PDB file of all heavy atoms in Angstrom:
ATOM      1  N   ASN A   1      84.223 117.820  -8.093  1.00  0.00           N
ATOM      2  CA  ASN A   1      85.042 118.942  -8.636  1.00  0.00           C
ATOM      3  C   ASN A   1      86.504 118.429  -8.776  1.00  0.00           C
ATOM      4  O   ASN A   1      87.150 118.690  -9.783  1.00  0.00           O
ATOM      5  CB  ASN A   1      84.987 120.119  -7.648  1.00  0.00           C
ATOM      6  CG  ASN A   1      85.721 121.283  -8.208  1.00  0.00           C
ATOM      7  OD1 ASN A   1      85.399 121.774  -9.295  1.00  0.00           O
ATOM      8  ND2 ASN A   1      86.700 121.794  -7.489  1.00  0.00           N
ATOM      9  N   ALA A   2      87.019 117.707  -7.751  1.00  0.00           N
ATOM     10  CA  ALA A   2      88.339 117.145  -7.839  1.00  0.00           C
ATOM     11  C   ALA A   2      88.461 116.133  -9.017  1.00  0.00           C
ATOM     12  O   ALA A   2      89.500 116.106  -9.676  1.00  0.00           O
ATOM     13  CB  ALA A   2      88.703 116.514  -6.518  1.00  0.00           C
ATOM     14  N   VAL A   3      87.460 115.344  -9.211  1.00  0.00           N
ATOM     15  CA  VAL A   3      87.484 114.360 -10.294  1.00  0.00           C
ATOM     16  C   VAL A   3      87.497 115.045 -11.686  1.00  0.00           C
ATOM     17  O   VAL A   3      88.262 114.719 -12.529  1.00  0.00           O
ATOM     18  CB  VAL A   3      86.297 113.345 -10.184  1.00  0.00           C
ATOM     19  CG1 VAL A   3      86.145 112.506 -11.424  1.00  0.00           C
ATOM     20  CG2 VAL A   3      86.482 112.455  -8.953  1.00  0.00           C
ATOM     21  N   LYS A   4      86.652 116.079 -11.790  1.00  0.00           N
ATOM     22  CA  LYS A   4      86.493 116.716 -13.111  1.00  0.00           C
ATOM     23  C   LYS A   4      87.655 117.596 -13.440  1.00  0.00           C
ATOM     24  O   LYS A   4      88.017 117.651 -14.567  1.00  0.00           O
ATOM     25  CB  LYS A   4      85.178 117.520 -13.120  1.00  0.00           C
ATOM     26  CG  LYS A   4      83.914 116.654 -13.204  1.00  0.00           C
ATOM     27  CD  LYS A   4      82.671 117.503 -13.148  1.00  0.00           C
ATOM     28  CE  LYS A   4      82.430 118.203 -14.457  1.00  0.00           C
ATOM     29  NZ  LYS A   4      81.132 118.920 -14.490  1.00  0.00           N
ATOM     30  N   TYR A   5      88.159 118.309 -12.443  1.00  0.00           N
ATOM     31  CA  TYR A   5      89.118 119.385 -12.768  1.00  0.00           C
ATOM     32  C   TYR A   5      90.477 119.196 -12.124  1.00  0.00           C
ATOM     33  O   TYR A   5      91.424 119.914 -12.392  1.00  0.00           O
ATOM     34  CB  TYR A   5      88.560 120.766 -12.322  1.00  0.00           C
ATOM     35  CG  TYR A   5      87.194 121.036 -12.899  1.00  0.00           C
ATOM     36  CD1 TYR A   5      86.055 121.045 -12.081  1.00  0.00           C
ATOM     37  CD2 TYR A   5      87.068 121.280 -14.259  1.00  0.00           C
ATOM     38  CE1 TYR A   5      84.781 121.274 -12.658  1.00  0.00           C
ATOM     39  CE2 TYR A   5      85.811 121.564 -14.809  1.00  0.00           C
ATOM     40  CZ  TYR A   5      84.687 121.537 -13.984  1.00  0.00           C
ATOM     41  OH  TYR A   5      83.453 121.807 -14.550  1.00  0.00           O
ATOM     42  N   GLY A   6      90.635 118.198 -11.260  1.00  0.00           N
ATOM     43  CA  GLY A   6      91.902 117.989 -10.588  1.00  0.00           C
ATOM     44  C   GLY A   6      92.775 116.982 -11.300  1.00  0.00           C
ATOM     45  O   GLY A   6      92.515 116.532 -12.399  1.00  0.00           O
ATOM     46  N   SER A   7      93.777 116.591 -10.623  1.00  0.00           N
ATOM     47  CA  SER A   7      94.670 115.551 -11.146  1.00  0.00           C
ATOM     48  C   SER A   7      95.271 114.763  -9.994  1.00  0.00           C
ATOM     49  O   SER A   7      95.268 115.247  -8.827  1.00  0.00           O
ATOM     50  CB  SER A   7      95.801 116.166 -11.987  1.00  0.00           C
ATOM     51  OG  SER A   7      96.624 117.010 -11.152  1.00  0.00           O
ATOM     52  N   GLY A   8      95.774 113.617 -10.261  1.00  0.00           N
ATOM     53  CA  GLY A   8      96.396 112.775  -9.246  1.00  0.00           C
ATOM     54  C   GLY A   8      95.358 112.239  -8.240  1.00  0.00           C
ATOM     55  O   GLY A   8      94.188 112.391  -8.451  1.00  0.00           O
ATOM     56  N   PRO A   9      95.848 111.624  -7.180  1.00  0.00           N
ATOM     57  CA  PRO A   9      94.915 111.077  -6.195  1.00  0.00           C
ATOM     58  C   PRO A   9      94.203 112.218  -5.454  1.00  0.00           C
ATOM     59  O   PRO A   9      94.693 113.372  -5.396  1.00  0.00           O
ATOM     60  CB  PRO A   9      95.845 110.333  -5.221  1.00  0.00           C
ATOM     61  CG  PRO A   9      97.203 110.627  -5.592  1.00  0.00           C
ATOM     62  CD  PRO A   9      97.217 111.304  -6.925  1.00  0.00           C
ATOM     63  N   MET A  10      93.052 111.889  -4.875  1.00  0.00           N
ATOM     64  CA  MET A  10      92.278 112.814  -4.117  1.00  0.00           C
ATOM     65  C   MET A  10      92.299 112.428  -2.666  1.00  0.00           C
ATOM     66  O   MET A  10      92.240 111.268  -2.384  1.00  0.00           O
ATOM     67  CB  MET A  10      90.839 112.862  -4.605  1.00  0.00           C
ATOM     68  CG  MET A  10      90.667 113.302  -6.015  1.00  0.00           C
ATOM     69  SD  MET A  10      89.110 112.681  -6.695  1.00  0.00           S
ATOM     70  CE  MET A  10      89.485 110.958  -6.891  1.00  0.00           C
ATOM     71  N   GLU A  11      92.422 113.384  -1.767  1.00  0.00           N
ATOM     72  CA  GLU A  11      92.412 113.129  -0.366  1.00  0.00           C
ATOM     73  C   GLU A  11      91.184 113.778   0.266  1.00  0.00           C
ATOM     74  O   GLU A  11      90.954 114.985   0.074  1.00  0.00           O
ATOM     75  CB  GLU A  11      93.693 113.665   0.280  1.00  0.00           C
ATOM     76  CG  GLU A  11      93.764 113.448   1.760  1.00  0.00           C
ATOM     77  CD  GLU A  11      94.970 114.082   2.394  1.00  0.00           C
ATOM     78  OE1 GLU A  11      96.092 113.912   1.789  1.00  0.00           O
ATOM     79  OE2 GLU A  11      94.809 114.705   3.439  1.00  0.00           O
ATOM     80  N   LEU A  12      90.425 112.995   1.002  1.00  0.00           N
ATOM     81  CA  LEU A  12      89.249 113.493   1.743  1.00  0.00           C
ATOM     82  C   LEU A  12      89.565 113.405   3.236  1.00  0.00           C
ATOM     83  O   LEU A  12      89.964 112.371   3.740  1.00  0.00           O
ATOM     84  CB  LEU A  12      88.027 112.662   1.446  1.00  0.00           C
ATOM     85  CG  LEU A  12      86.792 112.826   2.339  1.00  0.00           C
ATOM     86  CD1 LEU A  12      86.226 114.283   2.124  1.00  0.00           C
ATOM     87  CD2 LEU A  12      85.762 111.779   1.934  1.00  0.00           C
ATOM     88  N   SER A  13      89.395 114.547   3.949  1.00  0.00           N
ATOM     89  CA  SER A  13      89.648 114.581   5.373  1.00  0.00           C
ATOM     90  C   SER A  13      88.354 115.126   6.056  1.00  0.00           C
ATOM     91  O   SER A  13      87.796 116.124   5.564  1.00  0.00           O
ATOM     92  CB  SER A  13      90.786 115.503   5.739  1.00  0.00           C
ATOM     93  OG  SER A  13      91.961 115.115   5.089  1.00  0.00           O
ATOM     94  N   LEU A  14      87.969 114.555   7.138  1.00  0.00           N
ATOM     95  CA  LEU A  14      86.843 115.031   7.908  1.00  0.00           C
ATOM     96  C   LEU A  14      87.357 115.202   9.353  1.00  0.00           C
ATOM     97  O   LEU A  14      88.053 114.322   9.894  1.00  0.00           O
ATOM     98  CB  LEU A  14      85.742 114.041   7.902  1.00  0.00           C
ATOM     99  CG  LEU A  14      85.152 113.739   6.532  1.00  0.00           C
ATOM    100  CD1 LEU A  14      84.560 112.361   6.451  1.00  0.00           C
ATOM    101  CD2 LEU A  14      84.092 114.769   6.247  1.00  0.00           C
ATOM    102  N   LEU A  15      86.979 116.346   9.967  1.00  0.00           N
ATOM    103  CA  LEU A  15      87.469 116.629  11.270  1.00  0.00           C
ATOM    104  C   LEU A  15      86.336 117.277  12.136  1.00  0.00           C
ATOM    105  O   LEU A  15      85.742 118.263  11.698  1.00  0.00           O
ATOM    106  CB  LEU A  15      88.666 117.647  11.242  1.00  0.00           C
ATOM    107  CG  LEU A  15      89.147 118.176  12.553  1.00  0.00           C
ATOM    108  CD1 LEU A  15      89.830 117.064  13.364  1.00  0.00           C
ATOM    109  CD2 LEU A  15      90.169 119.334  12.333  1.00  0.00           C
ATOM    110  N   LEU A  16      85.982 116.644  13.185  1.00  0.00           N
ATOM    111  CA  LEU A  16      85.019 117.161  14.164  1.00  0.00           C
ATOM    112  C   LEU A  16      85.774 117.943  15.237  1.00  0.00           C
ATOM    113  O   LEU A  16      86.671 117.387  15.885  1.00  0.00           O
ATOM    114  CB  LEU A  16      84.227 116.058  14.854  1.00  0.00           C
ATOM    115  CG  LEU A  16      83.051 115.472  14.040  1.00  0.00           C
ATOM    116  CD1 LEU A  16      82.571 114.181  14.683  1.00  0.00           C
ATOM    117  CD2 LEU A  16      81.976 116.475  13.979  1.00  0.00           C
ATOM    118  N   ALA A  17      85.422 119.216  15.399  1.00  0.00           N
ATOM    119  CA  ALA A  17      86.101 120.046  16.408  1.00  0.00           C
ATOM    120  C   ALA A  17      85.033 120.988  16.971  1.00  0.00           C
ATOM    121  O   ALA A  17      84.559 121.859  16.265  1.00  0.00           O
ATOM    122  CB  ALA A  17      87.294 120.803  15.825  1.00  0.00           C
ATOM    123  N   GLY A  18      84.714 120.817  18.206  1.00  0.00           N
ATOM    124  CA  GLY A  18      83.703 121.640  18.843  1.00  0.00           C
ATOM    125  C   GLY A  18      82.368 121.502  18.194  1.00  0.00           C
ATOM    126  O   GLY A  18      81.879 120.371  18.028  1.00  0.00           O
ATOM    127  N   ASP A  19      81.821 122.610  17.729  1.00  0.00           N
ATOM    128  CA  ASP A  19      80.489 122.574  17.064  1.00  0.00           C
ATOM    129  C   ASP A  19      80.619 122.615  15.551  1.00  0.00           C
ATOM    130  O   ASP A  19      79.642 123.028  14.893  1.00  0.00           O
ATOM    131  CB  ASP A  19      79.597 123.650  17.617  1.00  0.00           C
ATOM    132  CG  ASP A  19      80.162 125.066  17.269  1.00  0.00           C
ATOM    133  OD1 ASP A  19      81.304 125.181  16.806  1.00  0.00           O
ATOM    134  OD2 ASP A  19      79.430 126.006  17.505  1.00  0.00           O
ATOM    135  N   THR A  20      81.766 122.254  15.004  1.00  0.00           N
ATOM    136  CA  THR A  20      81.987 122.336  13.555  1.00  0.00           C
ATOM    137  C   THR A  20      82.548 121.072  13.031  1.00  0.00           C
ATOM    138  O   THR A  20      83.424 120.429  13.617  1.00  0.00           O
ATOM    139  CB  THR A  20      82.936 123.522  13.252  1.00  0.00           C
ATOM    140  OG1 THR A  20      82.434 124.711  13.784  1.00  0.00           O
ATOM    141  CG2 THR A  20      83.143 123.706  11.753  1.00  0.00           C
ATOM    142  N   LEU A  21      82.110 120.714  11.839  1.00  0.00           N
ATOM    143  CA  LEU A  21      82.647 119.599  11.042  1.00  0.00           C
ATOM    144  C   LEU A  21      83.359 120.206   9.852  1.00  0.00           C
ATOM    145  O   LEU A  21      82.745 120.895   9.065  1.00  0.00           O
ATOM    146  CB  LEU A  21      81.601 118.627  10.581  1.00  0.00           C
ATOM    147  CG  LEU A  21      82.029 117.540   9.599  1.00  0.00           C
ATOM    148  CD1 LEU A  21      83.003 116.588  10.247  1.00  0.00           C
ATOM    149  CD2 LEU A  21      80.831 116.851   9.034  1.00  0.00           C
ATOM    150  N   SER A  22      84.654 119.955   9.700  1.00  0.00           N
ATOM    151  CA  SER A  22      85.415 120.394   8.543  1.00  0.00           C
ATOM    152  C   SER A  22      85.569 119.310   7.555  1.00  0.00           C
ATOM    153  O   SER A  22      85.935 118.198   7.886  1.00  0.00           O
ATOM    154  CB  SER A  22      86.769 120.907   8.935  1.00  0.00           C
ATOM    155  OG  SER A  22      86.664 122.008   9.782  1.00  0.00           O
ATOM    156  N   VAL A  23      85.180 119.586   6.318  1.00  0.00           N
ATOM    157  CA  VAL A  23      85.347 118.630   5.168  1.00  0.00           C
ATOM    158  C   VAL A  23      86.378 119.248   4.271  1.00  0.00           C
ATOM    159  O   VAL A  23      86.235 120.368   3.739  1.00  0.00           O
ATOM    160  CB  VAL A  23      84.042 118.473   4.391  1.00  0.00           C
ATOM    161  CG1 VAL A  23      84.218 117.537   3.221  1.00  0.00           C
ATOM    162  CG2 VAL A  23      82.933 117.977   5.360  1.00  0.00           C
ATOM    163  N   THR A  24      87.533 118.487   4.052  1.00  0.00           N
ATOM    164  CA  THR A  24      88.582 119.008   3.204  1.00  0.00           C
ATOM    165  C   THR A  24      88.872 117.931   2.085  1.00  0.00           C
ATOM    166  O   THR A  24      88.966 116.822   2.350  1.00  0.00           O
ATOM    167  CB  THR A  24      89.894 119.237   4.041  1.00  0.00           C
ATOM    168  OG1 THR A  24      89.639 120.160   5.043  1.00  0.00           O
ATOM    169  CG2 THR A  24      91.014 119.737   3.149  1.00  0.00           C
ATOM    170  N   VAL A  25      88.986 118.511   0.868  1.00  0.00           N
ATOM    171  CA  VAL A  25      89.327 117.703  -0.269  1.00  0.00           C
ATOM    172  C   VAL A  25      90.579 118.338  -0.915  1.00  0.00           C
ATOM    173  O   VAL A  25      90.579 119.560  -1.189  1.00  0.00           O
ATOM    174  CB  VAL A  25      88.197 117.579  -1.324  1.00  0.00           C
ATOM    175  CG1 VAL A  25      88.666 116.868  -2.540  1.00  0.00           C
ATOM    176  CG2 VAL A  25      87.018 116.891  -0.705  1.00  0.00           C
ATOM    177  N   ARG A  26      91.573 117.515  -1.076  1.00  0.00           N
ATOM    178  CA  ARG A  26      92.842 117.925  -1.762  1.00  0.00           C
ATOM    179  C   ARG A  26      93.037 117.169  -3.097  1.00  0.00           C
ATOM    180  O   ARG A  26      92.640 115.976  -3.138  1.00  0.00           O
ATOM    181  CB  ARG A  26      94.047 117.632  -0.878  1.00  0.00           C
ATOM    182  CG  ARG A  26      94.172 118.522   0.342  1.00  0.00           C
ATOM    183  CD  ARG A  26      95.419 118.140   1.138  1.00  0.00           C
ATOM    184  NE  ARG A  26      95.691 119.049   2.177  1.00  0.00           N
ATOM    185  CZ  ARG A  26      95.125 119.009   3.392  1.00  0.00           C
ATOM    186  NH1 ARG A  26      94.353 117.973   3.683  1.00  0.00           N
ATOM    187  NH2 ARG A  26      95.448 119.885   4.336  1.00  0.00           N
ATOM    188  N   ASP A  27      93.572 117.819  -4.074  1.00  0.00           N
ATOM    189  CA  ASP A  27      93.927 117.114  -5.318  1.00  0.00           C
ATOM    190  C   ASP A  27      95.133 117.835  -5.904  1.00  0.00           C
ATOM    191  O   ASP A  27      95.535 118.923  -5.423  1.00  0.00           O
ATOM    192  CB  ASP A  27      92.771 117.001  -6.267  1.00  0.00           C
ATOM    193  CG  ASP A  27      92.404 118.344  -6.911  1.00  0.00           C
ATOM    194  OD1 ASP A  27      93.158 118.805  -7.779  1.00  0.00           O
ATOM    195  OD2 ASP A  27      91.326 118.821  -6.600  1.00  0.00           O
ATOM    196  N   GLY A  28      95.718 117.196  -6.928  1.00  0.00           N
ATOM    197  CA  GLY A  28      96.945 117.755  -7.544  1.00  0.00           C
ATOM    198  C   GLY A  28      96.709 118.794  -8.579  1.00  0.00           C
ATOM    199  O   GLY A  28      97.704 119.336  -9.177  1.00  0.00           O
ATOM    200  N   GLY A  29      95.497 119.151  -8.867  1.00  0.00           N
ATOM    201  CA  GLY A  29      95.190 120.133  -9.907  1.00  0.00           C
ATOM    202  C   GLY A  29      95.549 121.589  -9.460  1.00  0.00           C
ATOM    203  O   GLY A  29      95.381 121.955  -8.286  1.00  0.00           O
ATOM    204  N   ALA A  30      96.069 122.381 -10.375  1.00  0.00           N
ATOM    205  CA  ALA A  30      96.449 123.756 -10.033  1.00  0.00           C
ATOM    206  C   ALA A  30      95.320 124.765 -10.199  1.00  0.00           C
ATOM    207  O   ALA A  30      95.344 125.850  -9.683  1.00  0.00           O
ATOM    208  CB  ALA A  30      97.645 124.176 -10.882  1.00  0.00           C
ATOM    209  N   THR A  31      94.332 124.424 -10.994  1.00  0.00           N
ATOM    210  CA  THR A  31      93.204 125.309 -11.245  1.00  0.00           C
ATOM    211  C   THR A  31      92.253 125.357 -10.041  1.00  0.00           C
ATOM    212  O   THR A  31      91.742 124.353  -9.616  1.00  0.00           O
ATOM    213  CB  THR A  31      92.396 124.909 -12.527  1.00  0.00           C
ATOM    214  OG1 THR A  31      93.343 124.829 -13.586  1.00  0.00           O
ATOM    215  CG2 THR A  31      91.329 125.878 -12.839  1.00  0.00           C
ATOM    216  N   LEU A  32      92.081 126.585  -9.532  1.00  0.00           N
ATOM    217  CA  LEU A  32      91.196 126.757  -8.399  1.00  0.00           C
ATOM    218  C   LEU A  32      89.743 126.886  -8.873  1.00  0.00           C
ATOM    219  O   LEU A  32      89.514 127.532  -9.925  1.00  0.00           O
ATOM    220  CB  LEU A  32      91.567 127.980  -7.575  1.00  0.00           C
ATOM    221  CG  LEU A  32      92.996 127.995  -7.017  1.00  0.00           C
ATOM    222  CD1 LEU A  32      93.246 129.272  -6.286  1.00  0.00           C
ATOM    223  CD2 LEU A  32      93.196 126.810  -6.073  1.00  0.00           C
ATOM    224  N   PRO A  33      88.789 126.313  -8.106  1.00  0.00           N
ATOM    225  CA  PRO A  33      87.434 126.495  -8.503  1.00  0.00           C
ATOM    226  C   PRO A  33      86.992 127.947  -8.350  1.00  0.00           C
ATOM    227  O   PRO A  33      87.554 128.734  -7.546  1.00  0.00           O
ATOM    228  CB  PRO A  33      86.654 125.594  -7.553  1.00  0.00           C
ATOM    229  CG  PRO A  33      87.533 125.516  -6.340  1.00  0.00           C
ATOM    230  CD  PRO A  33      88.946 125.584  -6.876  1.00  0.00           C
ATOM    231  N   ARG A  34      85.958 128.310  -9.091  1.00  0.00           N
ATOM    232  CA  ARG A  34      85.440 129.653  -9.012  1.00  0.00           C
ATOM    233  C   ARG A  34      84.028 129.617  -8.487  1.00  0.00           C
ATOM    234  O   ARG A  34      83.276 128.807  -8.900  1.00  0.00           O
ATOM    235  CB  ARG A  34      85.473 130.284 -10.372  1.00  0.00           C
ATOM    236  CG  ARG A  34      84.965 131.662 -10.430  1.00  0.00           C
ATOM    237  CD  ARG A  34      85.195 132.269 -11.818  1.00  0.00           C
ATOM    238  NE  ARG A  34      84.383 133.473 -11.868  1.00  0.00           N
ATOM    239  CZ  ARG A  34      83.938 133.995 -12.981  1.00  0.00           C
ATOM    240  NH1 ARG A  34      84.213 133.433 -14.130  1.00  0.00           N
ATOM    241  NH2 ARG A  34      83.194 135.090 -12.989  1.00  0.00           N
ATOM    242  N   HIS A  35      83.699 130.506  -7.606  1.00  0.00           N
ATOM    243  CA  HIS A  35      82.349 130.629  -7.060  1.00  0.00           C
ATOM    244  C   HIS A  35      81.571 131.546  -8.001  1.00  0.00           C
ATOM    245  O   HIS A  35      81.868 132.763  -8.026  1.00  0.00           O
ATOM    246  CB  HIS A  35      82.356 131.124  -5.652  1.00  0.00           C
ATOM    247  CG  HIS A  35      80.966 131.180  -5.043  1.00  0.00           C
ATOM    248  ND1 HIS A  35      80.480 132.310  -4.441  1.00  0.00           N
ATOM    249  CD2 HIS A  35      80.026 130.246  -4.975  1.00  0.00           C
ATOM    250  CE1 HIS A  35      79.248 132.043  -4.022  1.00  0.00           C
ATOM    251  NE2 HIS A  35      78.948 130.833  -4.293  1.00  0.00           N
ATOM    252  N   TRP A  36      80.638 131.061  -8.668  1.00  0.00           N
ATOM    253  CA  TRP A  36      79.798 131.849  -9.649  1.00  0.00           C
ATOM    254  C   TRP A  36      78.646 132.416  -8.912  1.00  0.00           C
ATOM    255  O   TRP A  36      78.122 131.860  -7.964  1.00  0.00           O
ATOM    256  CB  TRP A  36      79.295 130.967 -10.774  1.00  0.00           C
ATOM    257  CG  TRP A  36      80.402 130.379 -11.627  1.00  0.00           C
ATOM    258  CD1 TRP A  36      81.130 129.247 -11.342  1.00  0.00           C
ATOM    259  CD2 TRP A  36      80.926 130.883 -12.821  1.00  0.00           C
ATOM    260  NE1 TRP A  36      82.035 129.020 -12.318  1.00  0.00           N
ATOM    261  CE2 TRP A  36      81.954 130.000 -13.289  1.00  0.00           C
ATOM    262  CE3 TRP A  36      80.618 131.928 -13.628  1.00  0.00           C
ATOM    263  CZ2 TRP A  36      82.682 130.225 -14.416  1.00  0.00           C
ATOM    264  CZ3 TRP A  36      81.334 132.168 -14.799  1.00  0.00           C
ATOM    265  CH2 TRP A  36      82.369 131.266 -15.177  1.00  0.00           C
ATOM    266  N   SER A  37      78.165 133.584  -9.356  1.00  0.00           N
ATOM    267  CA  SER A  37      76.937 134.119  -8.826  1.00  0.00           C
ATOM    268  C   SER A  37      75.764 133.198  -9.157  1.00  0.00           C
ATOM    269  O   SER A  37      75.786 132.534 -10.171  1.00  0.00           O
ATOM    270  CB  SER A  37      76.643 135.514  -9.428  1.00  0.00           C
ATOM    271  OG  SER A  37      77.667 136.407  -9.103  1.00  0.00           O
ATOM    272  N   ALA A  38      74.752 133.177  -8.322  1.00  0.00           N
ATOM    273  CA  ALA A  38      73.620 132.288  -8.552  1.00  0.00           C
ATOM    274  C   ALA A  38      72.977 132.727  -9.863  1.00  0.00           C
ATOM    275  O   ALA A  38      72.731 133.858 -10.123  1.00  0.00           O
ATOM    276  CB  ALA A  38      72.634 132.472  -7.377  1.00  0.00           C
ATOM    277  N   ASP A  39      72.654 131.736 -10.670  1.00  0.00           N
ATOM    278  CA  ASP A  39      72.005 131.909 -11.975  1.00  0.00           C
ATOM    279  C   ASP A  39      71.225 130.650 -12.262  1.00  0.00           C
ATOM    280  O   ASP A  39      71.808 129.666 -12.712  1.00  0.00           O
ATOM    281  CB  ASP A  39      72.989 132.286 -13.049  1.00  0.00           C
ATOM    282  CG  ASP A  39      72.339 132.540 -14.356  1.00  0.00           C
ATOM    283  OD1 ASP A  39      71.105 132.392 -14.523  1.00  0.00           O
ATOM    284  OD2 ASP A  39      73.069 132.895 -15.304  1.00  0.00           O
ATOM    285  N   PRO A  40      69.925 130.667 -12.036  1.00  0.00           N
ATOM    286  CA  PRO A  40      69.139 129.433 -12.339  1.00  0.00           C
ATOM    287  C   PRO A  40      69.136 128.998 -13.779  1.00  0.00           C
ATOM    288  O   PRO A  40      68.786 127.881 -14.100  1.00  0.00           O
ATOM    289  CB  PRO A  40      67.710 129.789 -11.832  1.00  0.00           C
ATOM    290  CG  PRO A  40      67.694 131.262 -11.832  1.00  0.00           C
ATOM    291  CD  PRO A  40      69.082 131.742 -11.586  1.00  0.00           C
ATOM    292  N   ARG A  41      69.570 129.908 -14.698  1.00  0.00           N
ATOM    293  CA  ARG A  41      69.580 129.532 -16.146  1.00  0.00           C
ATOM    294  C   ARG A  41      70.913 128.862 -16.517  1.00  0.00           C
ATOM    295  O   ARG A  41      70.960 128.231 -17.580  1.00  0.00           O
ATOM    296  CB  ARG A  41      69.375 130.803 -16.980  1.00  0.00           C
ATOM    297  CG  ARG A  41      68.067 131.431 -16.811  1.00  0.00           C
ATOM    298  CD  ARG A  41      68.003 132.776 -17.413  1.00  0.00           C
ATOM    299  NE  ARG A  41      68.967 133.592 -16.630  1.00  0.00           N
ATOM    300  CZ  ARG A  41      69.271 134.843 -16.908  1.00  0.00           C
ATOM    301  NH1 ARG A  41      68.741 135.483 -17.879  1.00  0.00           N
ATOM    302  NH2 ARG A  41      70.118 135.485 -16.179  1.00  0.00           N
ATOM    303  N   ARG A  42      71.882 128.968 -15.690  1.00  0.00           N
ATOM    304  CA  ARG A  42      73.176 128.369 -15.990  1.00  0.00           C
ATOM    305  C   ARG A  42      73.126 126.850 -15.808  1.00  0.00           C
ATOM    306  O   ARG A  42      72.552 126.330 -14.815  1.00  0.00           O
ATOM    307  CB  ARG A  42      74.313 128.927 -15.062  1.00  0.00           C
ATOM    308  CG  ARG A  42      75.692 128.393 -15.370  1.00  0.00           C
ATOM    309  CD  ARG A  42      76.753 128.976 -14.508  1.00  0.00           C
ATOM    310  NE  ARG A  42      76.617 128.589 -13.165  1.00  0.00           N
ATOM    311  CZ  ARG A  42      76.367 129.362 -12.116  1.00  0.00           C
ATOM    312  NH1 ARG A  42      76.259 130.667 -12.291  1.00  0.00           N
ATOM    313  NH2 ARG A  42      76.271 128.888 -10.900  1.00  0.00           N
ATOM    314  N   VAL A  43      73.702 126.139 -16.746  1.00  0.00           N
ATOM    315  CA  VAL A  43      73.704 124.663 -16.690  1.00  0.00           C
ATOM    316  C   VAL A  43      75.115 124.315 -16.183  1.00  0.00           C
ATOM    317  O   VAL A  43      76.108 124.646 -16.768  1.00  0.00           O
ATOM    318  CB  VAL A  43      73.463 124.039 -18.078  1.00  0.00           C
ATOM    319  CG1 VAL A  43      73.606 122.539 -17.974  1.00  0.00           C
ATOM    320  CG2 VAL A  43      72.076 124.454 -18.568  1.00  0.00           C
TER     321      VAL A  43
END
């Protein structure tokens, strides 16, 4: 997503805390991704 829609360098951070692993990706793009409803016909 960061490669296709972002800009500038990308930063990947992984953090283990308790029983959770956080995966964070940052990029310089201003457009936020949108969560679409599930649709198996969508390409």
